[in-house]
């Protein structure tokens, strides 16, 4: 699943920002036509107290304009307090990447300031800059360290770039890896709580609940499964041995336990059968997990 992080200032006006409503509406409608998972980011310290209702109202405003929002993430900390939500410590983005199991290099951030570009570079996502009636010099000046990113006059033009990038990726393969910058140390900016991330769409709710089975986790799970099976088998074997010695069995048990076969061949047969059953169960388990993730991405 690929995502686009959209800064609030790009589509909704704030105390210090002005937005061309018609241009924002066109851009939101174009973005809604893509298959990108859309996450709205709000770093404004004047945001109301965190609540799912506030996030739903923001999403409703965007949907009224013809857009779509899958999740809303914002910083709940007061102005002037160091936190790990944005800027040099982009907790808003990192929280969303972890929650929805996203690859940073396959995600985009549409921003409108130099701080947005720096935040995207720190998190390892691909920035796109909106001019919104300003010049490049007005936004970046001479101090921007990052030059390799597209610049668009308005949101619809930025969406056209994203669509072109996705078409190129579909034809040529994954984009080149962007090295994420090292975040600022904890001591420089003491964290105050965590970012707030509210899922809006059913896709976001499902993605937040799902688990991804990584190779290391699968190996650990399989090791414990086999170890538990071995111990269980040993316990059953000890009990059966004791019963053989003190309790006579009906004649059919002699056939069921294959006692007419030599012990070595009998043990090998049971081991091979047990391995086949474990492999079949593991295959079914992994297939069900992969099918669930595939259906989620198609949605």
Protein backbone atom coordinates (compact mmCIF):
# COMPACT_ATOMS: atom_id res chain seq x y z
CA UNK A 1 0.00 0.00 0.00
CA UNK A 2 1.31 3.43 -0.99
CA UNK A 3 0.39 6.66 0.73
CA UNK A 4 0.50 10.41 0.26
CA UNK A 5 0.89 12.67 3.30
CA UNK A 6 -0.93 15.96 2.72
CA UNK A 7 -0.14 18.96 4.90
CA UNK A 8 -3.23 20.74 6.20
CA UNK A 9 -1.94 24.13 4.99
CA UNK A 10 -2.15 22.88 1.40
CA UNK A 11 -5.94 22.48 1.42
CA UNK A 12 -7.38 24.22 4.49
CA UNK A 13 -6.68 27.83 5.50
CA UNK A 14 -5.17 28.61 8.88
CA UNK A 15 -4.38 31.69 10.93
CA UNK A 16 -1.10 32.25 9.07
CA UNK A 17 -1.94 30.67 5.72
CA UNK A 18 -4.28 31.44 2.83
CA UNK A 19 -5.55 28.81 0.41
CA UNK A 20 -7.08 29.20 -3.04
CA UNK A 21 -10.27 27.24 -2.38
CA UNK A 22 -10.97 26.53 -6.04
CA UNK A 23 -7.43 25.27 -6.69
CA UNK A 24 -7.59 23.16 -3.53
CA UNK A 25 -10.94 21.70 -4.63
CA UNK A 26 -9.53 20.71 -8.03
CA UNK A 27 -6.50 19.14 -6.41
CA UNK A 28 -8.53 17.22 -3.84
CA UNK A 29 -10.81 15.85 -6.55
CA UNK A 30 -7.79 14.73 -8.59
CA UNK A 31 -6.18 13.13 -5.54
CA UNK A 32 -9.40 11.27 -4.73
CA UNK A 33 -9.22 9.59 -8.15
CA UNK A 34 -5.87 7.99 -7.33
CA UNK A 35 -5.35 4.77 -5.40
CA UNK A 36 -2.98 6.42 -2.93
CA UNK A 37 -3.79 6.06 0.78
CA UNK A 38 -4.32 9.69 1.85
CA UNK A 39 -3.23 10.91 5.29
CA UNK A 40 -3.83 14.52 6.32
CA UNK A 41 -1.08 15.96 8.57
CA UNK A 42 -1.68 18.90 10.90
CA UNK A 43 1.24 20.44 12.78
CA UNK A 44 -0.62 23.57 13.84
CA UNK A 45 -0.32 24.05 17.64
CA UNK A 46 -3.69 25.87 17.59
CA UNK A 47 -5.48 22.67 16.58
CA UNK A 48 -8.40 21.87 18.93
CA UNK A 49 -8.05 19.25 21.61
CA UNK A 50 -7.51 15.82 19.99
CA UNK A 51 -10.75 13.97 19.40
CA UNK A 52 -12.09 11.59 16.75
CA UNK A 53 -14.96 14.03 16.23
CA UNK A 54 -12.60 16.83 15.21
CA UNK A 55 -10.81 14.55 12.75
CA UNK A 56 -14.14 13.45 11.29
CA UNK A 57 -15.21 17.07 10.81
CA UNK A 58 -11.99 17.90 8.98
CA UNK A 59 -12.46 14.85 6.76
CA UNK A 60 -16.06 15.88 6.10
CA UNK A 61 -14.95 19.33 4.92
CA UNK A 62 -12.53 17.74 2.47
CA UNK A 63 -15.11 15.21 1.29
CA UNK A 64 -17.60 18.03 0.70
CA UNK A 65 -15.06 19.54 -1.68
CA UNK A 66 -14.87 16.23 -3.55
CA UNK A 67 -11.74 14.91 -1.85
CA UNK A 68 -10.99 11.83 0.21
CA UNK A 69 -9.14 11.34 3.49
CA UNK A 70 -8.29 7.93 4.92
CA UNK A 71 -6.67 9.10 8.15
CA UNK A 72 -5.89 12.31 10.02
CA UNK A 73 -2.73 12.80 12.09
CA UNK A 74 -1.95 15.86 14.17
CA UNK A 75 0.29 17.18 16.91
CA UNK A 76 -1.56 17.58 20.23
CA UNK A 77 1.20 19.47 22.03
CA UNK A 78 1.13 23.17 23.04
CA UNK A 79 3.11 25.71 21.07
CA UNK A 80 6.65 26.12 22.35
CA UNK A 81 6.94 22.62 23.84
CA UNK A 82 9.49 20.28 22.33
CA UNK A 83 7.86 17.20 20.87
CA UNK A 84 8.62 14.39 18.47
CA UNK A 85 5.75 15.00 16.02
CA UNK A 86 7.22 16.99 13.15
CA UNK A 87 10.26 18.83 11.89
CA UNK A 88 13.56 17.22 12.83
CA UNK A 89 11.69 14.40 14.61
CA UNK A 90 8.79 13.57 12.26
CA UNK A 91 6.74 11.43 14.62
CA UNK A 92 3.53 12.11 12.67
CA UNK A 93 4.95 10.40 9.61
CA UNK A 94 6.82 7.67 11.46
CA UNK A 95 3.71 6.77 13.47
CA UNK A 96 1.65 6.44 10.28
CA UNK A 97 4.36 4.39 8.55
CA UNK A 98 4.45 1.95 11.45
CA UNK A 99 0.67 1.83 12.01
CA UNK A 100 -0.20 1.14 8.38
CA UNK A 101 2.92 -0.84 7.46
CA UNK A 102 4.03 1.60 4.75
CA UNK A 103 7.35 1.78 2.92
CA UNK A 104 8.71 5.32 3.33
CA UNK A 105 10.41 5.32 -0.08
CA UNK A 106 7.08 4.57 -1.77
CA UNK A 107 5.20 7.40 -0.02
CA UNK A 108 4.94 11.10 -0.82
CA UNK A 109 4.54 14.26 1.21
CA UNK A 110 2.84 17.29 -0.34
CA UNK A 111 3.92 20.36 1.60
CA UNK A 112 4.11 24.12 1.31
CA UNK A 113 7.18 25.13 3.32
CA UNK A 114 10.86 24.40 3.70
CA UNK A 115 10.11 22.72 7.04
CA UNK A 116 7.85 20.27 5.22
CA UNK A 117 10.67 19.35 2.85
CA UNK A 118 13.06 18.86 5.75
CA UNK A 119 10.53 16.70 7.58
CA UNK A 120 10.00 14.53 4.49
CA UNK A 121 13.75 14.11 4.05
CA UNK A 122 14.18 13.10 7.68
CA UNK A 123 11.42 10.50 7.43
CA UNK A 124 12.65 9.17 4.07
CA UNK A 125 9.48 9.98 2.11
CA UNK A 126 9.41 11.80 -1.25
CA UNK A 127 8.54 15.54 -0.94
CA UNK A 128 6.51 17.61 -3.39
CA UNK A 129 6.44 21.39 -2.90
CA UNK A 130 3.39 23.60 -3.55
CA UNK A 131 4.04 27.24 -4.44
CA UNK A 132 0.45 28.46 -3.90
CA UNK A 133 1.07 31.84 -5.51
CA UNK A 134 4.58 32.30 -4.08
CA UNK A 135 8.00 32.03 -5.69
CA UNK A 136 10.59 29.38 -4.98
CA UNK A 137 12.78 32.03 -3.35
CA UNK A 138 9.97 33.09 -1.05
CA UNK A 139 9.68 29.54 0.30
CA UNK A 140 13.17 28.10 0.18
CA UNK A 141 15.45 31.10 0.01
CA UNK A 142 19.11 30.10 -0.15
CA UNK A 143 19.21 27.78 2.86
CA UNK A 144 17.48 24.63 1.60
CA UNK A 145 19.84 21.66 1.56
CA UNK A 146 17.54 19.50 -0.55
CA UNK A 147 17.13 20.26 -4.25
CA UNK A 148 15.97 16.97 -5.72
CA UNK A 149 12.20 17.26 -5.46
CA UNK A 150 9.39 18.48 -7.76
CA UNK A 151 7.69 21.85 -7.37
CA UNK A 152 4.08 22.46 -8.41
CA UNK A 153 2.05 25.65 -8.69
CA UNK A 154 -1.07 24.05 -7.19
CA UNK A 155 -2.30 20.74 -5.79
CA UNK A 156 -3.74 19.37 -9.04
CA UNK A 157 -0.34 19.77 -10.72
CA UNK A 158 1.30 17.93 -7.81
CA UNK A 159 -1.21 15.09 -8.22
CA UNK A 160 -0.34 14.87 -11.92
CA UNK A 161 3.29 14.38 -10.89
CA UNK A 162 2.32 11.63 -8.45
CA UNK A 163 0.33 9.86 -11.15
CA UNK A 164 3.27 10.10 -13.55
CA UNK A 165 5.58 8.70 -10.87
CA UNK A 166 3.20 5.80 -10.21
CA UNK A 167 2.93 5.05 -13.94
CA UNK A 168 6.73 5.03 -14.26
CA UNK A 169 7.05 2.77 -11.23
CA UNK A 170 4.52 0.34 -12.70
CA UNK A 171 6.55 0.13 -15.92
CA UNK A 172 10.14 0.44 -14.69
CA UNK A 173 10.06 -0.88 -11.12
CA UNK A 174 10.50 0.58 -7.66
CA UNK A 175 11.87 4.13 -7.31
CA UNK A 176 15.43 4.72 -6.25
CA UNK A 177 16.01 4.56 -2.52
CA UNK A 178 16.06 7.85 -0.62
CA UNK A 179 18.29 7.83 2.43
CA UNK A 180 16.44 9.11 5.47
CA UNK A 181 18.30 11.64 7.60
CA UNK A 182 19.16 10.89 11.19
CA UNK A 183 16.49 12.36 13.49
CA UNK A 184 17.46 14.82 16.18
CA UNK A 185 18.51 13.19 19.44
CA UNK A 186 15.98 12.82 22.25
CA UNK A 187 17.91 15.19 24.50
CA UNK A 188 17.62 18.05 22.01
CA UNK A 189 13.82 17.98 21.90
CA UNK A 190 12.20 16.21 24.83
CA UNK A 191 9.10 14.37 23.68
CA UNK A 192 5.77 15.30 25.20
CA UNK A 193 3.38 12.45 24.53
CA UNK A 194 2.82 10.95 21.12
CA UNK A 195 1.15 12.06 17.87
CA UNK A 196 -2.56 11.48 17.41
CA UNK A 197 -3.55 9.34 14.44
CA UNK A 198 -7.25 8.84 13.73
CA UNK A 199 -8.41 6.44 11.00
CA UNK A 200 -11.33 7.75 8.95
CA UNK A 201 -12.02 5.25 6.17
CA UNK A 202 -12.74 1.55 6.52
CA UNK A 203 -9.47 0.89 4.72
CA UNK A 204 -7.56 2.78 7.41
CA UNK A 205 -9.33 0.90 10.19
CA UNK A 206 -8.60 -2.46 8.56
CA UNK A 207 -4.99 -1.52 7.82
CA UNK A 208 -4.42 -0.46 11.42
CA UNK A 209 -5.68 -3.78 12.72
CA UNK A 210 -3.83 -6.06 10.34
CA UNK A 211 -0.48 -7.62 11.14
CA UNK A 212 2.29 -8.25 8.70
CA UNK A 213 4.19 -11.50 9.09
CA UNK A 214 7.87 -10.74 8.49
CA UNK A 215 10.41 -13.51 7.72
CA UNK A 216 12.04 -13.29 11.16
CA UNK A 217 8.67 -13.43 12.89
CA UNK A 218 7.60 -16.34 10.69
CA UNK A 219 10.78 -18.25 11.54
CA UNK A 220 10.28 -17.63 15.25
CA UNK A 221 6.64 -18.69 15.04
CA UNK A 222 7.55 -21.86 13.13
CA UNK A 223 10.37 -22.71 15.57
CA UNK A 224 8.07 -22.48 18.58
CA UNK A 225 5.42 -24.47 16.73
CA UNK A 226 7.84 -27.30 15.93
CA UNK A 227 9.36 -27.26 19.42
CA UNK A 228 5.91 -27.45 20.98
CA UNK A 229 4.99 -30.31 18.67
CA UNK A 230 8.13 -32.24 19.61
CA UNK A 231 7.52 -31.84 23.34
CA UNK A 232 3.88 -32.82 22.89
CA UNK A 233 4.93 -35.92 20.94
CA UNK A 234 7.45 -36.90 23.62
CA UNK A 235 4.81 -36.58 26.31
CA UNK A 236 2.37 -38.77 24.36
CA UNK A 237 5.15 -41.30 23.68
CA UNK A 238 6.01 -41.59 27.38
CA UNK A 239 2.37 -42.11 28.29
CA UNK A 240 1.89 -44.75 25.60
CA UNK A 241 5.05 -46.56 26.70
CA UNK A 242 3.78 -46.69 30.25
CA UNK A 243 0.38 -47.94 29.11
CA UNK A 244 2.01 -50.63 26.94
CA UNK A 245 3.83 -51.93 29.99
CA UNK A 246 0.97 -51.98 32.50
CA UNK A 247 -2.24 -52.19 30.48
CA UNK A 248 -3.16 -54.75 27.78
CA UNK A 249 -4.61 -53.26 24.58
CA UNK A 250 -7.18 -54.69 22.16
CA UNK A 251 -5.81 -56.49 19.12
CA UNK A 252 -6.70 -53.70 16.64
CA UNK A 253 -4.24 -51.35 18.38
CA UNK A 254 -1.45 -53.58 17.11
CA UNK A 255 -2.49 -52.69 13.54
CA UNK A 256 -3.23 -49.01 14.22
CA UNK A 257 0.24 -48.40 15.69
CA UNK A 258 1.91 -50.29 12.80
CA UNK A 259 3.71 -52.68 15.09
CA UNK A 260 4.09 -55.13 12.20
CA UNK A 261 6.68 -52.69 10.72
CA UNK A 262 10.23 -52.52 12.13
CA UNK A 263 10.67 -49.78 14.72
CA UNK A 264 13.19 -47.72 12.68
CA UNK A 265 10.96 -47.74 9.59
CA UNK A 266 7.93 -47.02 11.76
CA UNK A 267 9.63 -44.00 13.38
CA UNK A 268 10.76 -42.64 10.01
CA UNK A 269 7.24 -43.03 8.63
CA UNK A 270 5.69 -41.11 11.53
CA UNK A 271 8.34 -38.37 11.28
CA UNK A 272 7.78 -37.88 7.53
CA UNK A 273 4.02 -37.82 7.99
CA UNK A 274 4.31 -35.28 10.80
CA UNK A 275 6.61 -33.03 8.75
CA UNK A 276 4.16 -33.16 5.82
CA UNK A 277 1.28 -32.13 8.07
CA UNK A 278 3.29 -29.24 9.59
CA UNK A 279 4.31 -27.98 6.13
CA UNK A 280 0.73 -28.19 4.88
CA UNK A 281 -0.54 -26.25 7.89
CA UNK A 282 2.20 -23.61 7.54
CA UNK A 283 1.48 -23.21 3.83
CA UNK A 284 -2.21 -22.68 4.49
CA UNK A 285 -1.42 -20.17 7.24
CA UNK A 286 0.98 -18.08 5.13
CA UNK A 287 -1.37 -18.19 2.15
CA UNK A 288 -4.27 -16.89 4.23
CA UNK A 289 -2.09 -14.03 5.56
CA UNK A 290 -0.84 -13.05 2.08
CA UNK A 291 -4.34 -13.24 0.60
CA UNK A 292 -5.67 -10.98 3.34
CA UNK A 293 -2.95 -8.38 2.69
CA UNK A 294 -3.47 -8.62 -1.08
CA UNK A 295 -7.20 -8.00 -0.83
CA UNK A 296 -6.54 -5.05 1.46
CA UNK A 297 -4.14 -3.47 -1.07
CA UNK A 298 -6.63 -3.97 -3.93
CA UNK A 299 -9.28 -2.13 -1.97
